Every structure is written in structure tokens, then in C-alpha cells.
Amino acid sequence: MPPKISALVSRSRTWLAHRSAPEILVYLGLLLVLIGSWGFVELADEMLEGGTQHFDDWVLQSLRKPGSPHEAIGPAWLHDFFLNVTALGSGTLAVLIALIVMGALALQGRRFSIALIAVSVTGAGALTTVLKEIFARPRPPVEYRAVEALQMSFPSGHSFIAATLYLTIGALLTGIAPTRGMKIYIMAVAIVLVVLVGLSRIYLGVHYTTDVLGGWCAGVIWAIACSIAAHFLRSRHARQQQR
């Protein structure tokens, strides 16, 4: 190994050895926020320049029967499946799920976790509206849509909200899960839900693929940012209580 790389590895190991697991997770989260922000900006820029439109149209048309844009490919049960799954990213159901989880957290006296979910979900809804107005991308043609959709297209609000809600809840649950296997299972379920909601928006013809990618990216960024903020507030509160 070259001397410079060897020295860098050595310094990195020393730095990690003097950091606690929560600190390392915070730094990793900040890194993911930076990477995700760069990815979102690049994707949005490419979309605004029309560089993604050919790909988006191809995916949309590939999911429709030739000559019948209003009919999605696949059996009827698949359409019904995605029709039900897409509700998991709706604002109404997201608020309901958030309230149920917050109620359980209130019984445990976990105020910071309650605040985290409340801020992350309400913030996701507000940011979705703002970003849609900024980019003002029209939805796919009406003949492709299997459900009604009124707002602008980029980023996908369902994907944004799903990523924020389920990843935030997943992170909270992994923090109290008793085993490593349970932690992995919880986060796997959260990720699967986020992916399915995004895919449902594409399959139902109400979003382009890049809309969903943008929603996922923004949702992950927001979820991590809220979790980091909650961590610092919780740590500050703990230090004040010790004085």
C-alpha cells in the first residue's frame, strides 16, 4: 500500500477509535445528506433540461399495452395491488400512521421521538408542495393515469412522504430492537414499503420515473436531516439534565 494511503487509513482508524457509535452515525448521516443533495440537484437539472424525458416516456409506455395507454400491462390483481399500495404514501394515511405511532410513543414518554415524527411528516408535506411549485413539471398525459392526480409532477409527493415516514419510523424502531436480526428486518420492511410506493406511482401512470427518484432522494435527505437534528437536541437536553 502506498505510504500516503497507508497514512490516511491509519489516521482514519485513529479518528474512528475516538468516536462513539452515535457520533459515527451522525457523520455518516451528514455524508449521505450531502451525497443525496448533490444527486437531487443533478437529477432536477437534467429533468429541467429535458435530458430525462425520453427515458421517462419509454418507461411509461413500456408499462402500457400497445395501442392502449389507459391499460397497464399485467394481470388485474397487479393493478389492484399497486392501487392499494400507493395509498401508503398518501398524506391522509401518512398522518394517520404517524398519529398512531406518536400515540404509542406518548405512552412511553418519548417526547423527542414524537417531535421527530411530527416535524418530519409535516415538513415532508410542506416541502413537497414547495418543490412541486418550483419545478412545475406537468404530469404524464391523462390517458396514462389510472388514478386522479392534481398537483405538479416533480418530485413525487407519495415517494417523498413514504421515504420520510417509513425510514424515520424504521430508524426509531431499530433503536429499541433487541437483536441485530430484528434491526435488519425492520429496516428492510421500511425500505420495501418505500420502494413499493414509488413503483406504484410509476405503474399507475401518475408519475415519471425521475419524479419518483427525486421523491426518494428528497425523502431520504429530509428523514436523515430530521434525525440528526433530533439527536443533537436530545444530547443537549441530556447534558442540561446532568448539570
Foldseek 3Di string as FASTA:
>chain_A
DDPVVVVVVVVVVVVVVPDDPVVVLLVVLVVLLVVLVVVLVVLLVCVLVVVCVVVLVVLLVVQADVPQLLHGDDDPVVLVVLVVLLVCLDLVNLVVVLVVVLVVVVVVVNVLLNVLLVCQQVVLVVVVQVVQVVSVAAWFDPSNAQDDDDTHAAADSSLLNLLQRQQSVLVVVLVPDPDPVVNVVSNVVSVVSSVSNLVSCSSRRGYTNSNNVSSNSNNSSSNSVSVSVSVVVVVVVVVVVVD
